[in-house]
Amino acid sequence: MNGNGDVECLAFRNPEKFGVLLINKSGRETDVKLDLLNAPATTPDPILPSVESIALREGEVKRGMIPEFPPVVTLQPYEVRLLML
């Protein structure tokens, strides 16, 4: 991950799951470029997406599935995003 000091990142990997937790601590929208090292190899599949995306912003939880880990994640002000494979 590269970006600025306004974003916290925590990655985890165990035999069942791989994921990244991103926290935007600023009051402005922020783009975060993800450089995923040691991540399991995946093939994007738009029909059966494999990456779960959970976003918490403005007191609401938004949950969905996406085809792959995005190379860039746009975080809204004070958003918390969890991406899991």
PDB file of N, CA and C in Angstrom:
ATOM      1  N   MET A   1       0.847  -1.171   0.000  1.00  0.00           N
ATOM      2  CA  MET A   1       0.000   0.000   0.000  1.00  0.00           C
ATOM      3  C   MET A   1       0.885   1.224   0.000  1.00  0.00           C
ATOM      4  N   ASN A   2       0.518   2.211  -0.762  1.00  0.00           N
ATOM      5  CA  ASN A   2       1.171   3.501  -0.621  1.00  0.00           C
ATOM      6  C   ASN A   2       0.090   4.548  -0.501  1.00  0.00           C
ATOM      7  N   GLY A   3       0.398   5.655   0.035  1.00  0.00           N
ATOM      8  CA  GLY A   3      -0.581   6.701   0.258  1.00  0.00           C
ATOM      9  C   GLY A   3      -0.006   7.705   1.227  1.00  0.00           C
ATOM     10  N   ASN A   4      -0.838   8.161   2.143  1.00  0.00           N
ATOM     11  CA  ASN A   4      -0.358   9.133   3.110  1.00  0.00           C
ATOM     12  C   ASN A   4      -0.635   8.632   4.516  1.00  0.00           C
ATOM     13  N   GLY A   5      -0.272   9.425   5.512  1.00  0.00           N
ATOM     14  CA  GLY A   5      -0.432   9.028   6.903  1.00  0.00           C
ATOM     15  C   GLY A   5      -1.868   9.058   7.395  1.00  0.00           C
ATOM     16  N   ASP A   6      -2.803   9.461   6.540  1.00  0.00           N
ATOM     17  CA  ASP A   6      -4.207   9.522   6.954  1.00  0.00           C
ATOM     18  C   ASP A   6      -4.918   8.186   6.796  1.00  0.00           C
ATOM     19  N   VAL A   7      -4.237   7.184   6.262  1.00  0.00           N
ATOM     20  CA  VAL A   7      -4.853   5.874   6.039  1.00  0.00           C
ATOM     21  C   VAL A   7      -4.070   4.813   6.814  1.00  0.00           C
ATOM     22  N   GLU A   8      -4.801   4.019   7.581  1.00  0.00           N
ATOM     23  CA  GLU A   8      -4.210   2.879   8.282  1.00  0.00           C
ATOM     24  C   GLU A   8      -4.550   1.617   7.490  1.00  0.00           C
ATOM     25  N   CYS A   9      -3.633   0.667   7.472  1.00  0.00           N
ATOM     26  CA  CYS A   9      -3.839  -0.575   6.743  1.00  0.00           C
ATOM     27  C   CYS A   9      -3.396  -1.745   7.612  1.00  0.00           C
ATOM     28  N   LEU A  10      -4.226  -2.778   7.654  1.00  0.00           N
ATOM     29  CA  LEU A  10      -3.898  -4.011   8.352  1.00  0.00           C
ATOM     30  C   LEU A  10      -4.257  -5.160   7.419  1.00  0.00           C
ATOM     31  N   ALA A  11      -3.293  -6.014   7.140  1.00  0.00           N
ATOM     32  CA  ALA A  11      -3.546  -7.172   6.284  1.00  0.00           C
ATOM     33  C   ALA A  11      -3.419  -8.433   7.122  1.00  0.00           C
ATOM     34  N   PHE A  12      -4.172  -9.459   6.727  1.00  0.00           N
ATOM     35  CA  PHE A  12      -4.087 -10.734   7.433  1.00  0.00           C
ATOM     36  C   PHE A  12      -4.179 -11.875   6.434  1.00  0.00           C
ATOM     37  N   ARG A  13      -3.602 -12.997   6.831  1.00  0.00           N
ATOM     38  CA  ARG A  13      -3.680 -14.191   6.002  1.00  0.00           C
ATOM     39  C   ARG A  13      -3.631 -15.405   6.913  1.00  0.00           C
ATOM     40  N   ASN A  14      -4.585 -16.290   6.723  1.00  0.00           N
ATOM     41  CA  ASN A  14      -4.572 -17.570   7.410  1.00  0.00           C
ATOM     42  C   ASN A  14      -4.998 -18.617   6.389  1.00  0.00           C
ATOM     43  N   PRO A  15      -5.050 -19.896   6.742  1.00  0.00           N
ATOM     44  CA  PRO A  15      -5.380 -20.910   5.730  1.00  0.00           C
ATOM     45  C   PRO A  15      -6.743 -20.715   5.050  1.00  0.00           C
ATOM     46  N   GLU A  16      -7.686 -20.067   5.724  1.00  0.00           N
ATOM     47  CA  GLU A  16      -9.032 -19.915   5.153  1.00  0.00           C
ATOM     48  C   GLU A  16      -9.266 -18.577   4.460  1.00  0.00           C
ATOM     49  N   LYS A  17      -8.642 -17.519   4.923  1.00  0.00           N
ATOM     50  CA  LYS A  17      -8.954 -16.169   4.429  1.00  0.00           C
ATOM     51  C   LYS A  17      -7.700 -15.335   4.233  1.00  0.00           C
ATOM     52  N   PHE A  18      -7.834 -14.353   3.339  1.00  0.00           N
ATOM     53  CA  PHE A  18      -6.833 -13.307   3.152  1.00  0.00           C
ATOM     54  C   PHE A  18      -7.616 -12.004   3.105  1.00  0.00           C
ATOM     55  N   GLY A  19      -7.114 -10.968   3.740  1.00  0.00           N
ATOM     56  CA  GLY A  19      -7.860  -9.724   3.722  1.00  0.00           C
ATOM     57  C   GLY A  19      -7.026  -8.503   4.035  1.00  0.00           C
ATOM     58  N   VAL A  20      -7.639  -7.348   3.756  1.00  0.00           N
ATOM     59  CA  VAL A  20      -7.024  -6.057   4.012  1.00  0.00           C
ATOM     60  C   VAL A  20      -8.085  -5.163   4.651  1.00  0.00           C
ATOM     61  N   LEU A  21      -7.720  -4.532   5.767  1.00  0.00           N
ATOM     62  CA  LEU A  21      -8.587  -3.571   6.442  1.00  0.00           C
ATOM     63  C   LEU A  21      -7.984  -2.189   6.232  1.00  0.00           C
ATOM     64  N   LEU A  22      -8.761  -1.277   5.657  1.00  0.00           N
ATOM     65  CA  LEU A  22      -8.307   0.091   5.390  1.00  0.00           C
ATOM     66  C   LEU A  22      -9.155   1.068   6.188  1.00  0.00           C
ATOM     67  N   ILE A  23      -8.508   2.041   6.807  1.00  0.00           N
ATOM     68  CA  ILE A  23      -9.211   3.045   7.604  1.00  0.00           C
ATOM     69  C   ILE A  23      -8.757   4.427   7.149  1.00  0.00           C
ATOM     70  N   ASN A  24      -9.692   5.229   6.639  1.00  0.00           N
ATOM     71  CA  ASN A  24      -9.403   6.606   6.256  1.00  0.00           C
ATOM     72  C   ASN A  24      -9.669   7.487   7.474  1.00  0.00           C
ATOM     73  N   LYS A  25      -8.623   8.054   8.038  1.00  0.00           N
ATOM     74  CA  LYS A  25      -8.752   8.869   9.248  1.00  0.00           C
ATOM     75  C   LYS A  25      -8.925  10.348   8.935  1.00  0.00           C
ATOM     76  N   SER A  26      -9.030  10.683   7.653  1.00  0.00           N
ATOM     77  CA  SER A  26      -9.143  12.096   7.286  1.00  0.00           C
ATOM     78  C   SER A  26     -10.575  12.446   6.888  1.00  0.00           C
ATOM     79  N   GLY A  27     -10.837  13.715   6.797  1.00  0.00           N
ATOM     80  CA  GLY A  27     -12.148  14.213   6.409  1.00  0.00           C
ATOM     81  C   GLY A  27     -12.275  14.433   4.915  1.00  0.00           C
ATOM     82  N   ARG A  28     -11.392  13.832   4.137  1.00  0.00           N
ATOM     83  CA  ARG A  28     -11.473  13.976   2.678  1.00  0.00           C
ATOM     84  C   ARG A  28     -11.345  12.618   1.993  1.00  0.00           C
ATOM     85  N   GLU A  29     -11.847  12.536   0.776  1.00  0.00           N
ATOM     86  CA  GLU A  29     -11.751  11.307  -0.017  1.00  0.00           C
ATOM     87  C   GLU A  29     -10.281  11.020  -0.321  1.00  0.00           C
ATOM     88  N   THR A  30      -9.918   9.751  -0.249  1.00  0.00           N
ATOM     89  CA  THR A  30      -8.525   9.360  -0.436  1.00  0.00           C
ATOM     90  C   THR A  30      -8.438   8.123  -1.322  1.00  0.00           C
ATOM     91  N   ASP A  31      -7.547   8.174  -2.306  1.00  0.00           N
ATOM     92  CA  ASP A  31      -7.261   7.002  -3.143  1.00  0.00           C
ATOM     93  C   ASP A  31      -6.070   6.274  -2.540  1.00  0.00           C
ATOM     94  N   VAL A  32      -6.215   4.959  -2.389  1.00  0.00           N
ATOM     95  CA  VAL A  32      -5.149   4.128  -1.830  1.00  0.00           C
ATOM     96  C   VAL A  32      -4.759   3.086  -2.860  1.00  0.00           C
ATOM     97  N   LYS A  33      -3.489   3.064  -3.236  1.00  0.00           N
ATOM     98  CA  LYS A  33      -2.981   2.054  -4.173  1.00  0.00           C
ATOM     99  C   LYS A  33      -2.541   0.851  -3.352  1.00  0.00           C
ATOM    100  N   LEU A  34      -3.072  -0.314  -3.706  1.00  0.00           N
ATOM    101  CA  LEU A  34      -2.722  -1.536  -2.992  1.00  0.00           C
ATOM    102  C   LEU A  34      -1.634  -2.288  -3.754  1.00  0.00           C
ATOM    103  N   ASP A  35      -0.542  -2.584  -3.065  1.00  0.00           N
ATOM    104  CA  ASP A  35       0.505  -3.463  -3.584  1.00  0.00           C
ATOM    105  C   ASP A  35       0.439  -4.714  -2.725  1.00  0.00           C
ATOM    106  N   LEU A  36      -0.243  -5.735  -3.213  1.00  0.00           N
ATOM    107  CA  LEU A  36      -0.465  -6.942  -2.423  1.00  0.00           C
ATOM    108  C   LEU A  36       0.673  -7.926  -2.623  1.00  0.00           C
ATOM    109  N   LEU A  37       1.470  -8.095  -1.589  1.00  0.00           N
ATOM    110  CA  LEU A  37       2.558  -9.054  -1.604  1.00  0.00           C
ATOM    111  C   LEU A  37       2.116 -10.295  -0.847  1.00  0.00           C
ATOM    112  N   ASN A  38       2.523 -11.433  -1.305  1.00  0.00           N
ATOM    113  CA  ASN A  38       2.188 -12.705  -0.656  1.00  0.00           C
ATOM    114  C   ASN A  38       0.682 -12.961  -0.591  1.00  0.00           C
ATOM    115  N   ALA A  39      -0.055 -12.373  -1.507  1.00  0.00           N
ATOM    116  CA  ALA A  39      -1.501 -12.614  -1.572  1.00  0.00           C
ATOM    117  C   ALA A  39      -1.745 -13.835  -2.459  1.00  0.00           C
ATOM    118  N   PRO A  40      -2.782 -14.591  -2.150  1.00  0.00           N
ATOM    119  CA  PRO A  40      -3.080 -15.739  -3.020  1.00  0.00           C
ATOM    120  C   PRO A  40      -3.434 -15.275  -4.429  1.00  0.00           C
ATOM    121  N   ALA A  41      -2.997 -16.028  -5.403  1.00  0.00           N
ATOM    122  CA  ALA A  41      -3.303 -15.694  -6.797  1.00  0.00           C
ATOM    123  C   ALA A  41      -4.779 -15.958  -7.067  1.00  0.00           C
ATOM    124  N   THR A  42      -5.418 -15.036  -7.749  1.00  0.00           N
ATOM    125  CA  THR A  42      -6.831 -15.194  -8.099  1.00  0.00           C
ATOM    126  C   THR A  42      -7.026 -14.855  -9.565  1.00  0.00           C
ATOM    127  N   THR A  43      -8.085 -15.369 -10.118  1.00  0.00           N
ATOM    128  CA  THR A  43      -8.493 -15.029 -11.471  1.00  0.00           C
ATOM    129  C   THR A  43      -9.817 -14.282 -11.361  1.00  0.00           C
ATOM    130  N   PRO A  44      -9.883 -13.057 -11.881  1.00  0.00           N
ATOM    131  CA  PRO A  44     -11.130 -12.303 -11.792  1.00  0.00           C
ATOM    132  C   PRO A  44     -12.291 -13.050 -12.433  1.00  0.00           C
ATOM    133  N   ASP A  45     -13.422 -13.069 -11.762  1.00  0.00           N
ATOM    134  CA  ASP A  45     -14.602 -13.744 -12.284  1.00  0.00           C
ATOM    135  C   ASP A  45     -15.821 -12.849 -12.061  1.00  0.00           C
ATOM    136  N   PRO A  46     -16.287 -12.143 -13.107  1.00  0.00           N
ATOM    137  CA  PRO A  46     -17.428 -11.243 -12.939  1.00  0.00           C
ATOM    138  C   PRO A  46     -18.738 -11.977 -12.660  1.00  0.00           C
ATOM    139  N   ILE A  47     -18.806 -13.275 -13.002  1.00  0.00           N
ATOM    140  CA  ILE A  47     -20.042 -14.024 -12.783  1.00  0.00           C
ATOM    141  C   ILE A  47     -20.120 -14.528 -11.346  1.00  0.00           C
ATOM    142  N   LEU A  48     -19.015 -15.057 -10.840  1.00  0.00           N
ATOM    143  CA  LEU A  48     -18.951 -15.526  -9.452  1.00  0.00           C
ATOM    144  C   LEU A  48     -17.848 -14.765  -8.722  1.00  0.00           C
ATOM    145  N   PRO A  49     -18.114 -13.513  -8.311  1.00  0.00           N
ATOM    146  CA  PRO A  49     -17.076 -12.725  -7.660  1.00  0.00           C
ATOM    147  C   PRO A  49     -16.593 -13.398  -6.376  1.00  0.00           C
ATOM    148  N   SER A  50     -15.306 -13.249  -6.098  1.00  0.00           N
ATOM    149  CA  SER A  50     -14.730 -13.959  -4.967  1.00  0.00           C
ATOM    150  C   SER A  50     -14.259 -13.065  -3.828  1.00  0.00           C
ATOM    151  N   VAL A  51     -14.227 -11.754  -4.029  1.00  0.00           N
ATOM    152  CA  VAL A  51     -13.738 -10.842  -3.000  1.00  0.00           C
ATOM    153  C   VAL A  51     -14.925 -10.159  -2.328  1.00  0.00           C
ATOM    154  N   GLU A  52     -15.002 -10.310  -1.013  1.00  0.00           N
ATOM    155  CA  GLU A  52     -16.060  -9.652  -0.247  1.00  0.00           C
ATOM    156  C   GLU A  52     -15.589  -8.263   0.152  1.00  0.00           C
ATOM    157  N   SER A  53     -16.431  -7.269  -0.063  1.00  0.00           N
ATOM    158  CA  SER A  53     -16.130  -5.887   0.285  1.00  0.00           C
ATOM    159  C   SER A  53     -17.165  -5.405   1.296  1.00  0.00           C
ATOM    160  N   ILE A  54     -16.676  -4.964   2.452  1.00  0.00           N
ATOM    161  CA  ILE A  54     -17.551  -4.430   3.493  1.00  0.00           C
ATOM    162  C   ILE A  54     -17.071  -3.026   3.807  1.00  0.00           C
ATOM    163  N   ALA A  55     -17.961  -2.044   3.658  1.00  0.00           N
ATOM    164  CA  ALA A  55     -17.606  -0.647   3.908  1.00  0.00           C
ATOM    165  C   ALA A  55     -18.496  -0.082   5.008  1.00  0.00           C
ATOM    166  N   LEU A  56     -17.880   0.644   5.911  1.00  0.00           N
ATOM    167  CA  LEU A  56     -18.607   1.344   6.969  1.00  0.00           C
ATOM    168  C   LEU A  56     -18.327   2.826   6.793  1.00  0.00           C
ATOM    169  N   ARG A  57     -19.386   3.580   6.490  1.00  0.00           N
ATOM    170  CA  ARG A  57     -19.234   5.034   6.343  1.00  0.00           C
ATOM    171  C   ARG A  57     -20.541   5.717   6.705  1.00  0.00           C
ATOM    172  N   GLU A  58     -20.403   6.823   7.375  1.00  0.00           N
ATOM    173  CA  GLU A  58     -21.549   7.628   7.804  1.00  0.00           C
ATOM    174  C   GLU A  58     -22.583   6.790   8.543  1.00  0.00           C
ATOM    175  N   GLY A  59     -22.114   5.847   9.348  1.00  0.00           N
ATOM    176  CA  GLY A  59     -23.005   5.047  10.178  1.00  0.00           C
ATOM    177  C   GLY A  59     -23.734   3.927   9.455  1.00  0.00           C
ATOM    178  N   GLU A  60     -23.415   3.689   8.187  1.00  0.00           N
ATOM    179  CA  GLU A  60     -24.073   2.632   7.422  1.00  0.00           C
ATOM    180  C   GLU A  60     -23.064   1.600   6.957  1.00  0.00           C
ATOM    181  N   VAL A  61     -23.509   0.357   6.893  1.00  0.00           N
ATOM    182  CA  VAL A  61     -22.674  -0.738   6.405  1.00  0.00           C
ATOM    183  C   VAL A  61     -23.125  -1.100   5.002  1.00  0.00           C
ATOM    184  N   LYS A  62     -22.167  -1.143   4.083  1.00  0.00           N
ATOM    185  CA  LYS A  62     -22.448  -1.549   2.705  1.00  0.00           C
ATOM    186  C   LYS A  62     -21.613  -2.796   2.436  1.00  0.00           C
ATOM    187  N   ARG A  63     -22.282  -3.867   2.012  1.00  0.00           N
ATOM    188  CA  ARG A  63     -21.621  -5.152   1.815  1.00  0.00           C
ATOM    189  C   ARG A  63     -21.885  -5.639   0.388  1.00  0.00           C
ATOM    190  N   GLY A  64     -20.854  -6.201  -0.233  1.00  0.00           N
ATOM    191  CA  GLY A  64     -21.028  -6.726  -1.587  1.00  0.00           C
ATOM    192  C   GLY A  64     -19.859  -7.591  -1.987  1.00  0.00           C
ATOM    193  N   MET A  65     -19.972  -8.171  -3.173  1.00  0.00           N
ATOM    194  CA  MET A  65     -18.919  -9.014  -3.730  1.00  0.00           C
ATOM    195  C   MET A  65     -18.374  -8.330  -4.985  1.00  0.00           C
ATOM    196  N   ILE A  66     -17.046  -8.400  -5.157  1.00  0.00           N
ATOM    197  CA  ILE A  66     -16.399  -7.831  -6.326  1.00  0.00           C
ATOM    198  C   ILE A  66     -15.510  -8.906  -6.957  1.00  0.00           C
ATOM    199  N   PRO A  67     -15.189  -8.785  -8.265  1.00  0.00           N
ATOM    200  CA  PRO A  67     -14.467  -9.844  -8.970  1.00  0.00           C
ATOM    201  C   PRO A  67     -13.036 -10.083  -8.479  1.00  0.00           C
ATOM    202  N   GLU A  68     -12.347  -9.021  -8.022  1.00  0.00           N
ATOM    203  CA  GLU A  68     -10.946  -9.154  -7.634  1.00  0.00           C
ATOM    204  C   GLU A  68     -10.550  -8.012  -6.706  1.00  0.00           C
ATOM    205  N   PHE A  69      -9.365  -8.147  -6.093  1.00  0.00           N
ATOM    206  CA  PHE A  69      -8.840  -7.041  -5.300  1.00  0.00           C
ATOM    207  C   PHE A  69      -8.534  -5.890  -6.242  1.00  0.00           C
ATOM    208  N   PRO A  70      -9.072  -4.713  -5.973  1.00  0.00           N
ATOM    209  CA  PRO A  70      -8.824  -3.581  -6.872  1.00  0.00           C
ATOM    210  C   PRO A  70      -7.406  -3.047  -6.667  1.00  0.00           C
ATOM    211  N   PRO A  71      -6.763  -2.564  -7.745  1.00  0.00           N
ATOM    212  CA  PRO A  71      -5.431  -1.997  -7.589  1.00  0.00           C
ATOM    213  C   PRO A  71      -5.455  -0.668  -6.831  1.00  0.00           C
ATOM    214  N   VAL A  72      -6.591   0.045  -6.931  1.00  0.00           N
ATOM    215  CA  VAL A  72      -6.761   1.314  -6.210  1.00  0.00           C
ATOM    216  C   VAL A  72      -8.124   1.296  -5.533  1.00  0.00           C
ATOM    217  N   VAL A  73      -8.146   1.678  -4.254  1.00  0.00           N
ATOM    218  CA  VAL A  73      -9.391   1.757  -3.492  1.00  0.00           C
ATOM    219  C   VAL A  73      -9.625   3.226  -3.146  1.00  0.00           C
ATOM    220  N   THR A  74     -10.811   3.722  -3.464  1.00  0.00           N
ATOM    221  CA  THR A  74     -11.173   5.090  -3.097  1.00  0.00           C
ATOM    222  C   THR A  74     -11.980   5.039  -1.807  1.00  0.00           C
ATOM    223  N   LEU A  75     -11.433   5.663  -0.766  1.00  0.00           N
ATOM    224  CA  LEU A  75     -12.105   5.698   0.532  1.00  0.00           C
ATOM    225  C   LEU A  75     -12.750   7.060   0.743  1.00  0.00           C
ATOM    226  N   GLN A  76     -14.002   7.057   1.158  1.00  0.00           N
ATOM    227  CA  GLN A  76     -14.705   8.285   1.497  1.00  0.00           C
ATOM    228  C   GLN A  76     -14.179   8.797   2.844  1.00  0.00           C
ATOM    229  N   PRO A  77     -14.484  10.037   3.205  1.00  0.00           N
ATOM    230  CA  PRO A  77     -14.022  10.553   4.503  1.00  0.00           C
ATOM    231  C   PRO A  77     -14.445   9.633   5.655  1.00  0.00           C
ATOM    232  N   TYR A  78     -13.489   9.284   6.496  1.00  0.00           N
ATOM    233  CA  TYR A  78     -13.683   8.471   7.707  1.00  0.00           C
ATOM    234  C   TYR A  78     -14.255   7.074   7.412  1.00  0.00           C
ATOM    235  N   GLU A  79     -14.056   6.574   6.219  1.00  0.00           N
ATOM    236  CA  GLU A  79     -14.562   5.248   5.852  1.00  0.00           C
ATOM    237  C   GLU A  79     -13.633   4.147   6.346  1.00  0.00           C
ATOM    238  N   VAL A  80     -14.228   3.033   6.728  1.00  0.00           N
ATOM    239  CA  VAL A  80     -13.500   1.811   7.060  1.00  0.00           C
ATOM    240  C   VAL A  80     -13.916   0.766   6.032  1.00  0.00           C
ATOM    241  N   ARG A  81     -12.930   0.129   5.376  1.00  0.00           N
ATOM    242  CA  ARG A  81     -13.237  -0.856   4.332  1.00  0.00           C
ATOM    243  C   ARG A  81     -12.471  -2.142   4.626  1.00  0.00           C
ATOM    244  N   LEU A  82     -13.180  -3.256   4.526  1.00  0.00           N
ATOM    245  CA  LEU A  82     -12.586  -4.574   4.674  1.00  0.00           C
ATOM    246  C   LEU A  82     -12.764  -5.327   3.364  1.00  0.00           C
ATOM    247  N   LEU A  83     -11.671  -5.805   2.805  1.00  0.00           N
ATOM    248  CA  LEU A  83     -11.687  -6.613   1.587  1.00  0.00           C
ATOM    249  C   LEU A  83     -11.153  -7.984   1.963  1.00  0.00           C
ATOM    250  N   MET A  84     -11.944  -9.048   1.676  1.00  0.00           N
ATOM    251  CA  MET A  84     -11.557 -10.403   2.053  1.00  0.00           C
ATOM    252  C   MET A  84     -11.728 -11.366   0.892  1.00  0.00           C
ATOM    253  N   LEU A  85     -10.782 -12.259   0.788  1.00  0.00           N
ATOM    254  CA  LEU A  85     -10.828 -13.309  -0.231  1.00  0.00           C
ATOM    255  C   LEU A  85     -11.001 -14.637   0.470  1.00  0.00           C
TER     256      LEU A  85
END
